[in-house]
Amino acid sequence: MSINFEGQVAIVTGAGNGLGRSHALALAERGAKVVVNDLGGARDGSGASSAAADEVVALIKANGGDAFAHGANVANFDEVEDMVKQTMDKWGRVDVLINNAGILRDKTFAKMDLADFKLVMDVHVMGSVNCTKAVWGIMREQNYGRIVMTTSSSGLYGNFGQSNYGAAKMAVIGFMNTLCIEGLKNDIRVNALSPTAATRMTEDLMPAEILAMLTPEAVTAGALTLCHKDAPNRFILAAGAGGYARAQIFETDGIFLPEAEQDTDIINSKLDQITDTAGQKDLQSGAGQTEKFLGKAMAYVESQK
């Protein structure tokens, strides 16, 4: 295997079932020591059990690997800190973090209880924040780290009945974008996986013949490309049923209007020009937008001289 994780330590959240389980097993197969994190709750986040995580650890050890289970609730920073402390005490480093843990509380926004909205945000967003915060200092000290966020097409493009899940999954993209900039000098690379797979999260959403094609292993093959030594940075990889694609956020070149024309009616009349995709760019930071608009303004000023 050309890509391997020999000598590396990986933490995978939500690793008792589905995608997380597949990620953990694949990392171990390629040489990583793995922390199998799973609270062991139901799809909606209720309940807790160590059975699933323990089974994954047993499988890894039976195949000659090294792993231990930890039942931290990723939404609880104290529990996450304990997981990372145990990892450091046992193996002395953390090289890879895959933020995979998640829950669903689907309802239309009109019918959704705000407590369900907040819980989904807490698990997906603050869960990713908590786990990343707990390893960030370690990775900076090592001058090495690979972090994978788990986003979703529901966040990137929207999905009926998933306003909470969609908001959370788009939020981790904003989180990733800034971490990519801040982690660069310490070789901490942060990417995002947008998966489609047959798991507990999707089992009642699709027909059986389609679900059979959506194996977690197909997604995991993509996930591992985002967290090895030569992984890209700031890459959103969509993966499912053997399909792989890159999702990116682009901004059109846009237009410039002098102060006298900065009027709602004029802007509305120029929406076709504003929407024109010729010259659009994948901006590398928020400052890129400011630089672009100021450049247009400065060019206008020069043209008036």
C-alpha atoms as a PDB file:
ATOM      1  CA  MET A   1       0.000   0.000   0.000  1.00  0.00           C
ATOM      2  CA  SER A   2       1.576   3.290  -1.088  1.00  0.00           C
ATOM      3  CA  ILE A   3      -0.569   5.343   1.286  1.00  0.00           C
ATOM      4  CA  ASN A   4      -0.024   4.200   4.836  1.00  0.00           C
ATOM      5  CA  PHE A   5      -0.355   5.509   8.376  1.00  0.00           C
ATOM      6  CA  GLU A   6       2.449   3.524  10.002  1.00  0.00           C
ATOM      7  CA  GLY A   7       3.540   5.142  13.269  1.00  0.00           C
ATOM      8  CA  GLN A   8       0.546   7.486  13.260  1.00  0.00           C
ATOM      9  CA  VAL A   9      -2.317   7.844  15.705  1.00  0.00           C
ATOM     10  CA  ALA A  10      -5.837   8.543  14.505  1.00  0.00           C
ATOM     11  CA  ILE A  11      -9.007   9.527  16.350  1.00  0.00           C
ATOM     12  CA  VAL A  12     -12.282   8.750  14.584  1.00  0.00           C
ATOM     13  CA  THR A  13     -15.502  10.009  16.149  1.00  0.00           C
ATOM     14  CA  GLY A  14     -18.749   8.143  15.733  1.00  0.00           C
ATOM     15  CA  ALA A  15     -16.687   5.075  14.854  1.00  0.00           C
ATOM     16  CA  GLY A  16     -18.933   2.362  16.247  1.00  0.00           C
ATOM     17  CA  ASN A  17     -21.105   2.105  13.158  1.00  0.00           C
ATOM     18  CA  GLY A  18     -21.410   3.120   9.529  1.00  0.00           C
ATOM     19  CA  LEU A  19     -18.858   5.443   8.022  1.00  0.00           C
ATOM     20  CA  GLY A  20     -16.876   5.925  11.219  1.00  0.00           C
ATOM     21  CA  ARG A  21     -16.505   2.184  11.671  1.00  0.00           C
ATOM     22  CA  SER A  22     -15.321   1.850   8.080  1.00  0.00           C
ATOM     23  CA  HIS A  23     -12.860   4.748   8.505  1.00  0.00           C
ATOM     24  CA  ALA A  24     -11.417   3.258  11.704  1.00  0.00           C
ATOM     25  CA  LEU A  25     -10.951  -0.211  10.223  1.00  0.00           C
ATOM     26  CA  ALA A  26      -9.314   1.154   7.076  1.00  0.00           C
ATOM     27  CA  LEU A  27      -6.921   3.391   9.013  1.00  0.00           C
ATOM     28  CA  ALA A  28      -5.921   0.448  11.199  1.00  0.00           C
ATOM     29  CA  GLU A  29      -5.456  -1.775   8.147  1.00  0.00           C
ATOM     30  CA  ARG A  30      -3.011   0.805   6.787  1.00  0.00           C
ATOM     31  CA  GLY A  31      -1.024   0.913  10.006  1.00  0.00           C
ATOM     32  CA  ALA A  32      -2.582   3.561  12.237  1.00  0.00           C
ATOM     33  CA  LYS A  33      -3.226   3.170  15.927  1.00  0.00           C
ATOM     34  CA  VAL A  34      -6.878   4.127  16.296  1.00  0.00           C
ATOM     35  CA  VAL A  35      -9.050   5.681  18.972  1.00  0.00           C
ATOM     36  CA  VAL A  36     -12.547   4.393  18.298  1.00  0.00           C
ATOM     37  CA  ASN A  37     -14.816   7.076  19.691  1.00  0.00           C
ATOM     38  CA  ASP A  38     -18.522   6.407  19.976  1.00  0.00           C
ATOM     39  CA  LEU A  39     -21.133   7.458  22.498  1.00  0.00           C
ATOM     40  CA  GLY A  40     -23.209   4.554  21.261  1.00  0.00           C
ATOM     41  CA  GLY A  41     -26.457   6.489  20.923  1.00  0.00           C
ATOM     42  CA  ALA A  42     -29.311   5.989  18.497  1.00  0.00           C
ATOM     43  CA  ARG A  43     -29.544   7.863  15.208  1.00  0.00           C
ATOM     44  CA  ASP A  44     -31.366  10.723  16.945  1.00  0.00           C
ATOM     45  CA  GLY A  45     -28.662  10.950  19.603  1.00  0.00           C
ATOM     46  CA  SER A  46     -30.585   9.265  22.411  1.00  0.00           C
ATOM     47  CA  GLY A  47     -29.093   6.557  24.617  1.00  0.00           C
ATOM     48  CA  ALA A  48     -25.520   5.339  25.014  1.00  0.00           C
ATOM     49  CA  SER A  49     -23.648   2.044  24.732  1.00  0.00           C
ATOM     50  CA  SER A  50     -20.012   0.973  24.370  1.00  0.00           C
ATOM     51  CA  ALA A  51     -20.839  -2.272  22.556  1.00  0.00           C
ATOM     52  CA  ALA A  52     -20.377  -1.041  18.987  1.00  0.00           C
ATOM     53  CA  ALA A  53     -17.058   0.711  19.676  1.00  0.00           C
ATOM     54  CA  ASP A  54     -15.766  -2.304  21.606  1.00  0.00           C
ATOM     55  CA  GLU A  55     -16.587  -4.546  18.652  1.00  0.00           C
ATOM     56  CA  VAL A  56     -14.596  -2.330  16.280  1.00  0.00           C
ATOM     57  CA  VAL A  57     -11.621  -2.368  18.651  1.00  0.00           C
ATOM     58  CA  ALA A  58     -11.820  -6.157  18.854  1.00  0.00           C
ATOM     59  CA  LEU A  59     -11.830  -6.405  15.060  1.00  0.00           C
ATOM     60  CA  ILE A  60      -8.798  -4.143  14.761  1.00  0.00           C
ATOM     61  CA  LYS A  61      -6.882  -6.125  17.370  1.00  0.00           C
ATOM     62  CA  ALA A  62      -7.874  -9.444  15.778  1.00  0.00           C
ATOM     63  CA  ASN A  63      -6.310  -8.178  12.555  1.00  0.00           C
ATOM     64  CA  GLY A  64      -3.070  -7.325  14.342  1.00  0.00           C
ATOM     65  CA  GLY A  65      -3.711  -3.629  14.894  1.00  0.00           C
ATOM     66  CA  ASP A  66      -3.846  -1.472  18.003  1.00  0.00           C
ATOM     67  CA  ALA A  67      -6.875   0.469  19.190  1.00  0.00           C
ATOM     68  CA  PHE A  68      -8.912   1.479  22.180  1.00  0.00           C
ATOM     69  CA  ALA A  69     -12.478   2.677  22.604  1.00  0.00           C
ATOM     70  CA  HIS A  70     -13.662   5.871  24.255  1.00  0.00           C
ATOM     71  CA  GLY A  71     -17.268   6.856  24.785  1.00  0.00           C
ATOM     72  CA  ALA A  72     -16.851  10.635  24.862  1.00  0.00           C
ATOM     73  CA  ASN A  73     -19.867  12.682  23.872  1.00  0.00           C
ATOM     74  CA  VAL A  74     -18.245  15.006  21.335  1.00  0.00           C
ATOM     75  CA  ALA A  75     -20.594  17.805  22.393  1.00  0.00           C
ATOM     76  CA  ASN A  76     -18.992  17.720  25.864  1.00  0.00           C
ATOM     77  CA  PHE A  77     -15.509  19.267  25.804  1.00  0.00           C
ATOM     78  CA  ASP A  78     -14.467  17.767  29.158  1.00  0.00           C
ATOM     79  CA  GLU A  79     -15.157  14.266  27.864  1.00  0.00           C
ATOM     80  CA  VAL A  80     -13.300  15.012  24.629  1.00  0.00           C
ATOM     81  CA  GLU A  81     -10.307  16.321  26.590  1.00  0.00           C
ATOM     82  CA  ASP A  82     -10.252  13.084  28.581  1.00  0.00           C
ATOM     83  CA  MET A  83     -10.249  11.073  25.347  1.00  0.00           C
ATOM     84  CA  VAL A  84      -7.315  13.055  23.977  1.00  0.00           C
ATOM     85  CA  LYS A  85      -5.453  12.834  27.296  1.00  0.00           C
ATOM     86  CA  GLN A  86      -5.810   9.052  27.288  1.00  0.00           C
ATOM     87  CA  THR A  87      -4.566   8.999  23.702  1.00  0.00           C
ATOM     88  CA  MET A  88      -1.491  11.054  24.589  1.00  0.00           C
ATOM     89  CA  ASP A  89      -0.803   8.976  27.699  1.00  0.00           C
ATOM     90  CA  LYS A  90      -0.967   5.786  25.646  1.00  0.00           C
ATOM     91  CA  TRP A  91       0.678   6.787  22.362  1.00  0.00           C
ATOM     92  CA  GLY A  92       2.144  10.272  22.811  1.00  0.00           C
ATOM     93  CA  ARG A  93       0.777  11.918  19.672  1.00  0.00           C
ATOM     94  CA  VAL A  94      -2.305  12.552  17.509  1.00  0.00           C
ATOM     95  CA  ASP A  95      -1.776  12.714  13.750  1.00  0.00           C
ATOM     96  CA  VAL A  96      -5.258  12.309  12.305  1.00  0.00           C
ATOM     97  CA  LEU A  97      -8.688  13.410  13.467  1.00  0.00           C
ATOM     98  CA  ILE A  98     -11.801  12.466  11.519  1.00  0.00           C
ATOM     99  CA  ASN A  99     -14.821  14.375  12.791  1.00  0.00           C
ATOM    100  CA  ASN A 100     -17.534  11.926  11.801  1.00  0.00           C
ATOM    101  CA  ALA A 101     -19.971  11.782  14.737  1.00  0.00           C
ATOM    102  CA  GLY A 102     -23.444  13.022  13.976  1.00  0.00           C
ATOM    103  CA  ILE A 103     -27.166  12.682  14.601  1.00  0.00           C
ATOM    104  CA  LEU A 104     -30.402  13.470  12.771  1.00  0.00           C
ATOM    105  CA  ARG A 105     -33.531  15.217  14.020  1.00  0.00           C
ATOM    106  CA  ASP A 106     -35.355  15.745  10.718  1.00  0.00           C
ATOM    107  CA  LYS A 107     -38.510  17.864  10.468  1.00  0.00           C
ATOM    108  CA  THR A 108     -39.620  20.800   8.404  1.00  0.00           C
ATOM    109  CA  PHE A 109     -38.493  24.065   9.956  1.00  0.00           C
ATOM    110  CA  ALA A 110     -42.124  25.026  10.637  1.00  0.00           C
ATOM    111  CA  LYS A 111     -42.587  21.931  12.807  1.00  0.00           C
ATOM    112  CA  MET A 112     -39.094  21.715  14.290  1.00  0.00           C
ATOM    113  CA  ASP A 113     -38.555  22.276  17.977  1.00  0.00           C
ATOM    114  CA  LEU A 114     -35.635  24.640  18.550  1.00  0.00           C
ATOM    115  CA  ALA A 115     -34.186  22.158  21.034  1.00  0.00           C
ATOM    116  CA  ASP A 116     -33.799  19.693  18.146  1.00  0.00           C
ATOM    117  CA  PHE A 117     -32.151  22.382  16.030  1.00  0.00           C
ATOM    118  CA  LYS A 118     -29.694  23.194  18.810  1.00  0.00           C
ATOM    119  CA  LEU A 119     -28.886  19.553  19.560  1.00  0.00           C
ATOM    120  CA  VAL A 120     -27.948  18.834  15.945  1.00  0.00           C
ATOM    121  CA  MET A 121     -25.786  21.965  15.871  1.00  0.00           C
ATOM    122  CA  ASP A 122     -24.140  20.967  19.163  1.00  0.00           C
ATOM    123  CA  VAL A 123     -23.195  17.486  17.953  1.00  0.00           C
ATOM    124  CA  HIS A 124     -22.097  18.318  14.415  1.00  0.00           C
ATOM    125  CA  VAL A 125     -20.619  21.791  14.859  1.00  0.00           C
ATOM    126  CA  MET A 126     -19.503  21.976  18.474  1.00  0.00           C
ATOM    127  CA  GLY A 127     -18.558  18.294  18.339  1.00  0.00           C
ATOM    128  CA  SER A 128     -16.158  19.094  15.508  1.00  0.00           C
ATOM    129  CA  VAL A 129     -14.967  22.236  17.306  1.00  0.00           C
ATOM    130  CA  ASN A 130     -14.396  20.419  20.600  1.00  0.00           C
ATOM    131  CA  CYS A 131     -12.435  17.556  19.072  1.00  0.00           C
ATOM    132  CA  THR A 132     -10.386  19.881  16.881  1.00  0.00           C
ATOM    133  CA  LYS A 133      -9.636  22.222  19.793  1.00  0.00           C
ATOM    134  CA  ALA A 134      -8.493  19.292  21.930  1.00  0.00           C
ATOM    135  CA  VAL A 135      -5.911  18.174  19.334  1.00  0.00           C
ATOM    136  CA  TRP A 136      -4.981  21.531  17.777  1.00  0.00           C
ATOM    137  CA  GLY A 137      -2.217  22.401  20.241  1.00  0.00           C
ATOM    138  CA  ILE A 138      -0.776  18.904  19.954  1.00  0.00           C
ATOM    139  CA  MET A 139      -0.675  19.119  16.171  1.00  0.00           C
ATOM    140  CA  ARG A 140       0.911  22.566  16.264  1.00  0.00           C
ATOM    141  CA  GLU A 141       3.599  21.308  18.623  1.00  0.00           C
ATOM    142  CA  GLN A 142       4.240  18.322  16.334  1.00  0.00           C
ATOM    143  CA  ASN A 143       4.200  20.548  13.231  1.00  0.00           C
ATOM    144  CA  TYR A 144       1.920  17.944  11.705  1.00  0.00           C
ATOM    145  CA  GLY A 145      -1.784  17.170  11.637  1.00  0.00           C
ATOM    146  CA  ARG A 146      -4.543  16.025   9.339  1.00  0.00           C
ATOM    147  CA  ILE A 147      -8.179  16.836  10.124  1.00  0.00           C
ATOM    148  CA  VAL A 148     -11.267  15.785   8.198  1.00  0.00           C
ATOM    149  CA  MET A 149     -14.629  17.477   8.680  1.00  0.00           C
ATOM    150  CA  THR A 150     -17.756  15.664   7.570  1.00  0.00           C
ATOM    151  CA  THR A 151     -20.034  17.918   5.580  1.00  0.00           C
ATOM    152  CA  SER A 152     -23.041  16.949   3.463  1.00  0.00           C
ATOM    153  CA  SER A 153     -24.863  17.793   0.268  1.00  0.00           C
ATOM    154  CA  SER A 154     -27.680  18.849   2.616  1.00  0.00           C
ATOM    155  CA  GLY A 155     -25.444  21.671   3.783  1.00  0.00           C
ATOM    156  CA  LEU A 156     -23.818  22.470   0.464  1.00  0.00           C
ATOM    157  CA  TYR A 157     -27.070  22.485  -1.510  1.00  0.00           C
ATOM    158  CA  GLY A 158     -29.996  22.091   0.914  1.00  0.00           C
ATOM    159  CA  ASN A 159     -32.436  19.260   1.596  1.00  0.00           C
ATOM    160  CA  PHE A 160     -36.103  19.320   2.590  1.00  0.00           C
ATOM    161  CA  GLY A 161     -36.660  18.719   6.294  1.00  0.00           C
ATOM    162  CA  GLN A 162     -33.012  19.194   7.255  1.00  0.00           C
ATOM    163  CA  SER A 163     -32.605  22.868   8.105  1.00  0.00           C
ATOM    164  CA  ASN A 164     -30.755  21.977  11.318  1.00  0.00           C
ATOM    165  CA  TYR A 165     -28.528  19.332   9.721  1.00  0.00           C
ATOM    166  CA  GLY A 166     -27.899  21.486   6.650  1.00  0.00           C
ATOM    167  CA  ALA A 167     -26.942  24.502   8.750  1.00  0.00           C
ATOM    168  CA  ALA A 168     -24.550  22.379  10.799  1.00  0.00           C
ATOM    169  CA  LYS A 169     -22.948  20.771   7.767  1.00  0.00           C
ATOM    170  CA  MET A 170     -22.342  24.121   6.087  1.00  0.00           C
ATOM    171  CA  ALA A 171     -20.959  25.552   9.327  1.00  0.00           C
ATOM    172  CA  VAL A 172     -18.117  23.017   9.380  1.00  0.00           C
ATOM    173  CA  ILE A 173     -17.058  24.256   5.923  1.00  0.00           C
ATOM    174  CA  GLY A 174     -16.634  27.771   7.299  1.00  0.00           C
ATOM    175  CA  PHE A 175     -14.719  26.270  10.219  1.00  0.00           C
ATOM    176  CA  MET A 176     -12.480  24.349   7.824  1.00  0.00           C
ATOM    177  CA  ASN A 177     -11.777  27.386   5.645  1.00  0.00           C
ATOM    178  CA  THR A 178     -10.252  29.352   8.512  1.00  0.00           C
ATOM    179  CA  LEU A 179      -8.398  26.415  10.057  1.00  0.00           C
ATOM    180  CA  CYS A 180      -6.695  25.801   6.694  1.00  0.00           C
ATOM    181  CA  ILE A 181      -5.223  29.283   6.864  1.00  0.00           C
ATOM    182  CA  GLU A 182      -4.266  29.184  10.544  1.00  0.00           C
ATOM    183  CA  GLY A 183      -2.791  25.680  10.423  1.00  0.00           C
ATOM    184  CA  LEU A 184      -0.694  26.125   7.303  1.00  0.00           C
ATOM    185  CA  LYS A 185       2.586  27.109   8.982  1.00  0.00           C
ATOM    186  CA  ASN A 186       2.434  23.993  11.188  1.00  0.00           C
ATOM    187  CA  ASP A 187       1.554  21.608   8.335  1.00  0.00           C
ATOM    188  CA  ILE A 188      -1.950  21.058   9.674  1.00  0.00           C
ATOM    189  CA  ARG A 189      -4.158  20.313   6.690  1.00  0.00           C
ATOM    190  CA  VAL A 190      -7.928  20.388   6.994  1.00  0.00           C
ATOM    191  CA  ASN A 191     -10.330  18.921   4.454  1.00  0.00           C
ATOM    192  CA  ALA A 192     -13.987  17.963   4.262  1.00  0.00           C
ATOM    193  CA  LEU A 193     -15.776  14.820   3.168  1.00  0.00           C
ATOM    194  CA  SER A 194     -19.299  14.982   1.704  1.00  0.00           C
ATOM    195  CA  PRO A 195     -20.475  11.369   1.822  1.00  0.00           C
ATOM    196  CA  THR A 196     -23.381   9.411   0.446  1.00  0.00           C
ATOM    197  CA  ALA A 197     -23.532   5.943   1.962  1.00  0.00           C
ATOM    198  CA  ALA A 198     -25.921   3.325   3.264  1.00  0.00           C
ATOM    199  CA  THR A 199     -25.743   3.805   7.026  1.00  0.00           C
ATOM    200  CA  ARG A 200     -28.200   4.187   9.908  1.00  0.00           C
ATOM    201  CA  MET A 201     -28.546   7.799   8.755  1.00  0.00           C
ATOM    202  CA  THR A 202     -29.833   6.809   5.284  1.00  0.00           C
ATOM    203  CA  GLU A 203     -31.349   3.348   5.688  1.00  0.00           C
ATOM    204  CA  ASP A 204     -34.982   4.492   5.462  1.00  0.00           C
ATOM    205  CA  LEU A 205     -34.429   7.155   2.807  1.00  0.00           C
ATOM    206  CA  MET A 206     -33.563   5.037  -0.261  1.00  0.00           C
ATOM    207  CA  PRO A 207     -34.633   1.749  -1.917  1.00  0.00           C
ATOM    208  CA  ALA A 208     -32.664  -1.403  -1.079  1.00  0.00           C
ATOM    209  CA  GLU A 209     -31.071  -1.833  -4.517  1.00  0.00           C
ATOM    210  CA  ILE A 210     -29.630   1.679  -4.359  1.00  0.00           C
ATOM    211  CA  LEU A 211     -28.479   1.283  -0.774  1.00  0.00           C
ATOM    212  CA  ALA A 212     -26.532  -1.824  -1.816  1.00  0.00           C
ATOM    213  CA  MET A 213     -24.338   0.366  -4.040  1.00  0.00           C
ATOM    214  CA  LEU A 214     -23.726   2.968  -1.345  1.00  0.00           C
ATOM    215  CA  THR A 215     -21.126   1.122   0.676  1.00  0.00           C
ATOM    216  CA  PRO A 216     -19.322   2.916   3.516  1.00  0.00           C
ATOM    217  CA  GLU A 217     -16.061   1.491   2.169  1.00  0.00           C
ATOM    218  CA  ALA A 218     -16.455   3.488  -1.062  1.00  0.00           C
ATOM    219  CA  VAL A 219     -16.646   6.674   0.994  1.00  0.00           C
ATOM    220  CA  THR A 220     -13.779   5.652   3.269  1.00  0.00           C
ATOM    221  CA  ALA A 221     -11.508   5.232   0.257  1.00  0.00           C
ATOM    222  CA  GLY A 222     -12.089   8.946  -0.317  1.00  0.00           C
ATOM    223  CA  ALA A 223     -11.786   9.879   3.338  1.00  0.00           C
ATOM    224  CA  LEU A 224      -8.280   8.444   3.614  1.00  0.00           C
ATOM    225  CA  THR A 225      -7.119  10.520   0.646  1.00  0.00           C
ATOM    226  CA  LEU A 226      -7.902  13.584   2.763  1.00  0.00           C
ATOM    227  CA  CYS A 227      -5.783  12.703   5.798  1.00  0.00           C
ATOM    228  CA  HIS A 228      -2.531  11.029   4.680  1.00  0.00           C
ATOM    229  CA  LYS A 229       0.901  12.647   4.589  1.00  0.00           C
ATOM    230  CA  ASP A 230       0.510  14.117   1.095  1.00  0.00           C
ATOM    231  CA  ALA A 231      -3.161  15.014   1.436  1.00  0.00           C
ATOM    232  CA  PRO A 232      -4.493  18.205  -0.133  1.00  0.00           C
ATOM    233  CA  ASN A 233      -5.632  21.170   1.944  1.00  0.00           C
ATOM    234  CA  ARG A 234      -9.044  22.837   1.915  1.00  0.00           C
ATOM    235  CA  PHE A 235     -10.529  20.177  -0.335  1.00  0.00           C
ATOM    236  CA  ILE A 236     -14.214  19.208  -0.250  1.00  0.00           C
ATOM    237  CA  LEU A 237     -14.474  15.655  -1.578  1.00  0.00           C
ATOM    238  CA  ALA A 238     -17.908  14.303  -2.426  1.00  0.00           C
ATOM    239  CA  ALA A 239     -17.970  10.498  -2.406  1.00  0.00           C
ATOM    240  CA  GLY A 240     -20.587   7.808  -2.826  1.00  0.00           C
ATOM    241  CA  ALA A 241     -21.410   4.638  -4.792  1.00  0.00           C
ATOM    242  CA  GLY A 242     -18.033   4.797  -6.512  1.00  0.00           C
ATOM    243  CA  GLY A 243     -18.450   8.408  -7.578  1.00  0.00           C
ATOM    244  CA  TYR A 244     -15.935  11.070  -6.499  1.00  0.00           C
ATOM    245  CA  ALA A 245     -16.111  14.794  -7.162  1.00  0.00           C
ATOM    246  CA  ARG A 246     -14.798  18.072  -5.788  1.00  0.00           C
ATOM    247  CA  ALA A 247     -17.205  20.691  -4.449  1.00  0.00           C
ATOM    248  CA  GLN A 248     -15.994  24.304  -4.388  1.00  0.00           C
ATOM    249  CA  ILE A 249     -17.376  27.704  -3.506  1.00  0.00           C
ATOM    250  CA  PHE A 250     -16.879  30.232  -6.280  1.00  0.00           C
ATOM    251  CA  GLU A 251     -17.554  33.964  -6.468  1.00  0.00           C
ATOM    252  CA  THR A 252     -18.289  35.698  -9.766  1.00  0.00           C
ATOM    253  CA  ASP A 253     -16.051  38.549 -10.835  1.00  0.00           C
ATOM    254  CA  GLY A 254     -18.980  40.903 -10.400  1.00  0.00           C
ATOM    255  CA  ILE A 255     -19.275  44.571 -11.326  1.00  0.00           C
ATOM    256  CA  PHE A 256     -18.320  47.975  -9.960  1.00  0.00           C
ATOM    257  CA  LEU A 257     -20.732  50.875  -9.518  1.00  0.00           C
ATOM    258  CA  PRO A 258     -19.582  54.411  -8.668  1.00  0.00           C
ATOM    259  CA  GLU A 259     -21.185  56.000  -5.619  1.00  0.00           C
ATOM    260  CA  ALA A 260     -23.878  57.801  -7.615  1.00  0.00           C
ATOM    261  CA  GLU A 261     -25.057  54.473  -9.058  1.00  0.00           C
ATOM    262  CA  GLN A 262     -25.006  52.410  -5.854  1.00  0.00           C
ATOM    263  CA  ASP A 263     -28.782  52.124  -5.909  1.00  0.00           C
ATOM    264  CA  THR A 264     -31.056  49.121  -5.379  1.00  0.00           C
ATOM    265  CA  ASP A 265     -32.859  49.578  -8.712  1.00  0.00           C
ATOM    266  CA  ILE A 266     -29.592  49.798 -10.620  1.00  0.00           C
ATOM    267  CA  ILE A 267     -28.147  46.745  -8.875  1.00  0.00           C
ATOM    268  CA  ASN A 268     -31.335  44.822  -9.641  1.00  0.00           C
ATOM    269  CA  SER A 269     -31.106  45.790 -13.304  1.00  0.00           C
ATOM    270  CA  LYS A 270     -27.566  44.412 -13.493  1.00  0.00           C
ATOM    271  CA  LEU A 271     -28.117  41.010 -11.888  1.00  0.00           C
ATOM    272  CA  ASP A 272     -27.274  39.261 -15.167  1.00  0.00           C
ATOM    273  CA  GLN A 273     -23.851  40.949 -15.206  1.00  0.00           C
ATOM    274  CA  ILE A 274     -23.344  40.222 -11.514  1.00  0.00           C
ATOM    275  CA  THR A 275     -24.195  36.557 -12.163  1.00  0.00           C
ATOM    276  CA  ASP A 276     -21.899  36.165 -15.182  1.00  0.00           C
ATOM    277  CA  THR A 277     -19.524  33.302 -14.351  1.00  0.00           C
ATOM    278  CA  ALA A 278     -16.737  34.448 -16.690  1.00  0.00           C
ATOM    279  CA  GLY A 279     -13.691  35.146 -14.547  1.00  0.00           C
ATOM    280  CA  GLN A 280     -15.145  33.679 -11.360  1.00  0.00           C
ATOM    281  CA  LYS A 281     -12.633  32.550  -8.732  1.00  0.00           C
ATOM    282  CA  ASP A 282     -12.249  30.167  -5.835  1.00  0.00           C
ATOM    283  CA  LEU A 283     -11.203  32.735  -3.224  1.00  0.00           C
ATOM    284  CA  GLN A 284      -8.628  31.525  -0.718  1.00  0.00           C
ATOM    285  CA  SER A 285      -9.742  33.795   2.129  1.00  0.00           C
ATOM    286  CA  GLY A 286     -12.337  36.409   2.996  1.00  0.00           C
ATOM    287  CA  ALA A 287      -9.711  39.051   2.297  1.00  0.00           C
ATOM    288  CA  GLY A 288      -9.765  37.993  -1.347  1.00  0.00           C
ATOM    289  CA  GLN A 289     -13.224  39.440  -1.779  1.00  0.00           C
ATOM    290  CA  THR A 290     -12.178  42.740  -0.197  1.00  0.00           C
ATOM    291  CA  GLU A 291      -9.084  42.905  -2.417  1.00  0.00           C
ATOM    292  CA  LYS A 292     -11.191  42.244  -5.518  1.00  0.00           C
ATOM    293  CA  PHE A 293     -13.745  44.953  -4.767  1.00  0.00           C
ATOM    294  CA  LEU A 294     -11.114  47.499  -3.743  1.00  0.00           C
ATOM    295  CA  GLY A 295      -9.213  46.696  -6.937  1.00  0.00           C
ATOM    296  CA  LYS A 296     -12.304  47.481  -8.979  1.00  0.00           C
ATOM    297  CA  ALA A 297     -12.815  50.723  -7.056  1.00  0.00           C
ATOM    298  CA  MET A 298      -9.184  51.777  -7.511  1.00  0.00           C
ATOM    299  CA  ALA A 299      -9.351  51.004 -11.237  1.00  0.00           C
ATOM    300  CA  TYR A 300     -12.432  53.204 -11.502  1.00  0.00           C
ATOM    301  CA  VAL A 301     -10.715  56.043  -9.664  1.00  0.00           C
ATOM    302  CA  GLU A 302      -7.717  55.784 -12.009  1.00  0.00           C
ATOM    303  CA  SER A 303     -10.019  55.803 -15.035  1.00  0.00           C
ATOM    304  CA  GLN A 304     -11.518  59.112 -13.921  1.00  0.00           C
ATOM    305  CA  LYS A 305      -8.197  60.928 -13.752  1.00  0.00           C
END
